[in-house]
């Protein structure tokens, strides 16, 4: 019986993909009438902007410390060529042989965590690879292998980057505590930079613990929540955050860039850090 979706017998099917013989033969590339391309285009533009900015700042190797503030891109500073930071996160694990910017060492971990994040995978798969470009829009690829082959199979290390992200978030929390000092390292002071750091670390923690891996660690493999009331409450809390994972991913990405940019402005002498008390 004709259904209106069968192709004419004289038209061969393409070799594979969504136009393959086992798929509905719809001639139009999609049936959407909205501006579906805006979301992937905006995503790609936003990610490219962050990549460009973070690359510049990572290789700049300058203007990343203005007491008591240290850029989150350079914390902890693990190379010998780091600027001395009073009571700051200095750990000269990499000796004098490390000649390039010390930010390259530490940025591997938070960027690895974000690169393998479930939300960011969706974002850059759609924004850069058009896989697929949007819901109900056919992707241009003729075959799909998922994340079962190299290099995408490496996305499975996300759960291990999560542990590294926890450590980095802990160090950034320490940096935020240190921001309650003045430029002479005296405690009991708060500047505009302190507020910037407080907002940033709050968003960093919210994004980190809203991760799917965290949700699994907290409540995964439990057959009876009633026997684990503490883990159940923690799982519910992480689940509520997980529902806003996309929003937190973007908010924390913007906040960490703004925190670095603020330190850059103060360290380069553009303006002095305003003090509240």
Protein backbone atom coordinates (compact mmCIF):
# COMPACT_ATOMS: atom_id res chain seq x y z
CA UNK A 1 0.00 0.00 0.00
CA UNK A 2 1.35 3.40 -0.96
CA UNK A 3 2.16 5.64 1.97
CA UNK A 4 3.60 8.64 0.14
CA UNK A 5 7.08 8.01 1.52
CA UNK A 6 8.24 5.37 -0.95
CA UNK A 7 10.69 6.72 -3.56
CA UNK A 8 10.08 6.24 -7.24
CA UNK A 9 11.57 2.98 -8.40
CA UNK A 10 13.74 4.78 -10.96
CA UNK A 11 15.65 6.82 -8.32
CA UNK A 12 18.51 4.96 -6.62
CA UNK A 13 19.20 5.49 -2.94
CA UNK A 14 22.44 7.12 -1.85
CA UNK A 15 24.95 4.66 -0.39
CA UNK A 16 24.19 5.32 3.29
CA UNK A 17 23.41 7.78 6.06
CA UNK A 18 19.97 9.24 6.58
CA UNK A 19 19.31 8.91 2.85
CA UNK A 20 19.99 5.17 2.93
CA UNK A 21 17.64 2.46 1.72
CA UNK A 22 16.32 1.75 5.18
CA UNK A 23 15.27 5.35 5.89
CA UNK A 24 12.20 7.31 4.89
CA UNK A 25 12.66 8.86 1.46
CA UNK A 26 11.99 12.53 2.16
CA UNK A 27 13.36 14.73 -0.62
CA UNK A 28 13.66 17.90 1.52
CA UNK A 29 16.77 18.21 3.70
CA UNK A 30 14.42 18.95 6.62
CA UNK A 31 10.86 20.03 7.33
CA UNK A 32 11.63 22.73 9.87
CA UNK A 33 10.47 26.26 9.15
CA UNK A 34 12.22 28.05 12.04
CA UNK A 35 15.76 29.45 12.02
CA UNK A 36 17.23 26.21 13.31
CA UNK A 37 20.74 27.18 12.17
CA UNK A 38 20.99 30.03 14.68
CA UNK A 39 21.65 27.77 17.69
CA UNK A 40 24.58 25.79 16.20
CA UNK A 41 26.00 28.96 14.64
CA UNK A 42 25.87 30.83 17.96
CA UNK A 43 27.39 27.83 19.74
CA UNK A 44 30.26 27.65 17.28
CA UNK A 45 30.86 31.41 17.53
CA UNK A 46 30.87 31.30 21.34
CA UNK A 47 33.27 28.37 21.52
CA UNK A 48 35.58 29.91 18.91
CA UNK A 49 35.66 33.16 20.88
CA UNK A 50 36.68 31.33 24.05
CA UNK A 51 39.28 29.25 22.20
CA UNK A 52 40.83 32.39 20.71
CA UNK A 53 40.87 34.24 24.03
CA UNK A 54 42.17 31.35 26.12
CA UNK A 55 44.89 30.56 23.57
CA UNK A 56 46.11 34.16 23.65
CA UNK A 57 46.11 34.28 27.43
CA UNK A 58 47.68 30.85 27.86
CA UNK A 59 50.66 31.69 25.66
CA UNK A 60 50.99 35.29 26.86
CA UNK A 61 52.82 34.22 30.04
CA UNK A 62 52.33 37.70 31.49
CA UNK A 63 49.89 39.79 33.54
CA UNK A 64 48.41 36.84 35.38
CA UNK A 65 49.15 37.89 38.97
CA UNK A 66 48.23 41.07 40.76
CA UNK A 67 48.34 40.56 44.53
CA UNK A 68 46.22 39.05 45.89
CA UNK A 69 44.64 37.81 42.64
CA UNK A 70 45.95 35.05 40.40
CA UNK A 71 44.36 34.17 37.08
CA UNK A 72 42.46 30.85 37.08
CA UNK A 73 44.31 30.03 33.85
CA UNK A 74 47.61 29.99 35.74
CA UNK A 75 46.58 28.34 39.00
CA UNK A 76 48.19 26.25 40.32
CA UNK A 77 51.47 27.45 38.83
CA UNK A 78 53.57 24.31 38.43
CA UNK A 79 56.68 25.63 36.66
CA UNK A 80 59.84 27.26 37.96
CA UNK A 81 59.34 30.26 35.71
CA UNK A 82 56.12 31.27 37.51
CA UNK A 83 55.85 34.64 39.18
CA UNK A 84 56.30 34.34 42.97
CA UNK A 85 52.90 34.48 44.68
CA UNK A 86 52.88 35.06 48.41
CA UNK A 87 51.14 32.06 50.01
CA UNK A 88 49.75 31.39 46.57
CA UNK A 89 49.44 28.14 44.59
CA UNK A 90 53.13 27.84 43.66
CA UNK A 91 54.41 24.29 43.22
CA UNK A 92 57.56 24.18 41.10
CA UNK A 93 57.13 20.58 39.98
CA UNK A 94 58.40 21.46 36.52
CA UNK A 95 61.94 22.79 36.84
CA UNK A 96 63.89 25.26 34.77
CA UNK A 97 63.65 23.12 31.64
CA UNK A 98 60.01 24.22 31.14
CA UNK A 99 60.42 27.36 29.06
CA UNK A 100 56.95 28.14 27.74
CA UNK A 101 53.94 29.51 29.59
CA UNK A 102 53.10 27.57 32.79
CA UNK A 103 49.41 27.90 31.94
CA UNK A 104 49.83 25.18 29.31
CA UNK A 105 50.41 22.63 32.07
CA UNK A 106 47.34 23.24 34.16
CA UNK A 107 44.83 24.12 31.42
CA UNK A 108 45.04 20.55 30.13
CA UNK A 109 42.84 19.36 33.00
CA UNK A 110 39.89 21.80 33.04
CA UNK A 111 39.85 21.95 29.24
CA UNK A 112 40.00 18.15 29.05
CA UNK A 113 37.05 17.98 31.44
CA UNK A 114 35.03 20.38 29.32
CA UNK A 115 36.08 18.88 26.00
CA UNK A 116 34.78 15.45 27.03
CA UNK A 117 31.70 16.81 28.85
CA UNK A 118 28.43 15.33 27.60
CA UNK A 119 26.93 18.76 26.94
CA UNK A 120 29.99 20.17 25.20
CA UNK A 121 30.17 17.09 22.98
CA UNK A 122 26.66 17.83 21.77
CA UNK A 123 27.56 21.51 21.34
CA UNK A 124 30.65 21.13 19.19
CA UNK A 125 29.41 18.03 17.36
CA UNK A 126 26.52 20.13 16.11
CA UNK A 127 28.32 23.46 15.82
CA UNK A 128 31.46 22.30 14.01
CA UNK A 129 30.74 18.86 12.54
CA UNK A 130 27.01 19.15 11.78
CA UNK A 131 26.50 15.77 13.42
CA UNK A 132 23.61 16.48 13.34
CA UNK A 133 23.34 20.25 12.81
CA UNK A 134 20.02 20.38 14.73
CA UNK A 135 17.11 18.23 15.80
CA UNK A 136 15.14 16.89 12.82
CA UNK A 137 17.79 18.14 10.38
CA UNK A 138 19.66 15.52 8.39
CA UNK A 139 23.41 15.44 8.88
CA UNK A 140 25.57 15.49 5.75
CA UNK A 141 27.65 12.43 6.73
CA UNK A 142 27.08 9.15 4.91
CA UNK A 143 27.83 6.97 7.92
CA UNK A 144 27.78 7.16 11.70
CA UNK A 145 30.00 5.15 14.03
CA UNK A 146 29.29 7.04 17.24
CA UNK A 147 32.10 7.16 19.79
CA UNK A 148 33.27 3.60 19.21
CA UNK A 149 36.42 4.39 17.23
CA UNK A 150 39.53 6.49 17.64
CA UNK A 151 39.67 9.38 18.38
CA UNK A 152 36.14 9.77 19.75
CA UNK A 153 36.43 6.67 21.89
CA UNK A 154 38.74 8.77 24.06
CA UNK A 155 35.64 10.68 25.20
CA UNK A 156 35.19 7.88 27.73
CA UNK A 157 37.98 9.34 29.87
CA UNK A 158 35.58 12.09 30.94
CA UNK A 159 34.99 10.39 34.30
CA UNK A 160 38.72 10.58 35.06
CA UNK A 161 38.94 14.24 34.07
CA UNK A 162 36.13 14.79 36.57
CA UNK A 163 38.45 13.90 39.45
CA UNK A 164 41.09 16.29 38.10
CA UNK A 165 38.44 19.01 37.79
CA UNK A 166 37.55 18.54 41.46
CA UNK A 167 41.19 19.13 42.41
CA UNK A 168 41.42 22.23 40.21
CA UNK A 169 38.15 23.60 41.65
CA UNK A 170 39.55 23.07 45.14
CA UNK A 171 42.68 25.06 44.27
CA UNK A 172 40.59 27.86 42.76
CA UNK A 173 38.59 27.89 46.00
CA UNK A 174 41.86 28.44 47.87
CA UNK A 175 42.67 31.31 45.49
CA UNK A 176 39.27 32.82 46.24
CA UNK A 177 39.96 32.67 49.98
CA UNK A 178 43.29 34.42 49.39
CA UNK A 179 41.46 37.19 47.53
CA UNK A 180 40.18 38.45 50.90
CA UNK A 181 43.59 40.08 51.39
CA UNK A 182 44.87 43.40 50.14
CA UNK A 183 47.90 43.99 47.92
CA UNK A 184 50.13 43.80 51.01
CA UNK A 185 48.68 40.38 51.95
CA UNK A 186 46.80 41.68 54.99
CA UNK A 187 43.56 39.83 55.73
CA UNK A 188 40.11 41.31 56.17
CA UNK A 189 39.82 43.16 52.88
CA UNK A 190 37.50 42.76 49.92
CA UNK A 191 37.82 44.25 46.47
CA UNK A 192 35.86 44.02 43.26
CA UNK A 193 38.19 41.20 42.25
CA UNK A 194 37.09 39.24 45.33
CA UNK A 195 33.49 39.46 44.14
CA UNK A 196 34.54 38.36 40.64
CA UNK A 197 36.36 35.38 42.13
CA UNK A 198 33.39 34.46 44.36
CA UNK A 199 30.99 34.41 41.40
CA UNK A 200 33.46 32.43 39.32
CA UNK A 201 34.16 29.72 41.91
CA UNK A 202 30.44 29.34 42.64
CA UNK A 203 29.74 28.71 38.96
CA UNK A 204 32.79 26.45 38.61
CA UNK A 205 31.60 24.24 41.47
CA UNK A 206 27.99 24.25 40.23
CA UNK A 207 29.09 23.18 36.75
CA UNK A 208 31.51 20.55 38.08
CA UNK A 209 29.12 18.80 40.44
CA UNK A 210 26.24 19.00 37.96
CA UNK A 211 28.26 16.70 35.71
CA UNK A 212 26.70 13.37 34.72
CA UNK A 213 29.74 11.56 36.11
CA UNK A 214 29.20 13.18 39.50
CA UNK A 215 25.54 12.16 39.44
CA UNK A 216 26.57 8.57 38.77
CA UNK A 217 29.23 8.60 41.50
CA UNK A 218 26.74 9.94 44.04
CA UNK A 219 23.77 7.71 43.27
CA UNK A 220 24.82 5.18 40.64
CA UNK A 221 24.61 1.40 41.16
CA UNK A 222 22.15 1.78 44.05
CA UNK A 223 19.27 -0.67 43.91
CA UNK A 224 17.45 0.70 46.95
CA UNK A 225 17.55 4.43 47.62
CA UNK A 226 15.64 3.84 50.86
CA UNK A 227 18.71 2.13 52.31
CA UNK A 228 20.97 5.05 51.41
CA UNK A 229 19.06 8.21 52.40
CA UNK A 230 22.15 10.46 52.43
CA UNK A 231 23.26 9.42 48.96
CA UNK A 232 19.67 9.70 47.77
CA UNK A 233 19.43 13.31 48.92
CA UNK A 234 22.80 14.06 47.35
CA UNK A 235 21.66 12.39 44.11
CA UNK A 236 18.50 14.52 44.09
CA UNK A 237 20.55 17.70 44.61
CA UNK A 238 23.00 16.84 41.84
CA UNK A 239 20.07 15.88 39.62
CA UNK A 240 18.49 19.31 40.03
CA UNK A 241 21.79 20.92 39.07
CA UNK A 242 22.20 18.48 36.20
CA UNK A 243 18.94 19.75 34.70
CA UNK A 244 20.73 23.11 34.30
CA UNK A 245 24.02 21.64 33.13
CA UNK A 246 23.99 23.47 29.80
CA UNK A 247 23.34 26.84 31.45
CA UNK A 248 26.05 26.21 34.04
CA UNK A 249 28.48 25.09 31.34
CA UNK A 250 28.17 28.42 29.52
CA UNK A 251 27.97 30.57 32.66
CA UNK A 252 31.14 29.04 34.13
CA UNK A 253 32.94 29.30 30.79
CA UNK A 254 32.18 33.02 30.65
CA UNK A 255 32.98 33.57 34.34
CA UNK A 256 36.41 31.92 34.18
CA UNK A 257 37.32 34.04 31.15
CA UNK A 258 36.08 37.19 32.89
CA UNK A 259 38.05 36.34 36.05
CA UNK A 260 41.21 35.95 33.99
CA UNK A 261 40.48 39.16 32.08
CA UNK A 262 39.95 41.06 35.32
CA UNK A 263 43.33 39.92 36.64
CA UNK A 264 44.88 40.90 33.31
CA UNK A 265 43.43 44.41 33.53
CA UNK A 266 44.67 44.92 37.09
CA UNK A 267 48.08 43.33 36.47
CA UNK A 268 48.67 45.35 33.31
CA UNK A 269 47.86 48.60 35.10
CA UNK A 270 44.66 49.46 33.24
CA UNK A 271 42.98 50.29 36.58
CA UNK A 272 43.40 49.64 40.29
CA UNK A 273 41.22 47.09 42.02
CA UNK A 274 38.34 48.99 43.73
CA UNK A 275 38.10 48.17 47.44
CA UNK A 276 34.83 47.72 49.36
CA UNK A 277 36.60 47.53 52.75
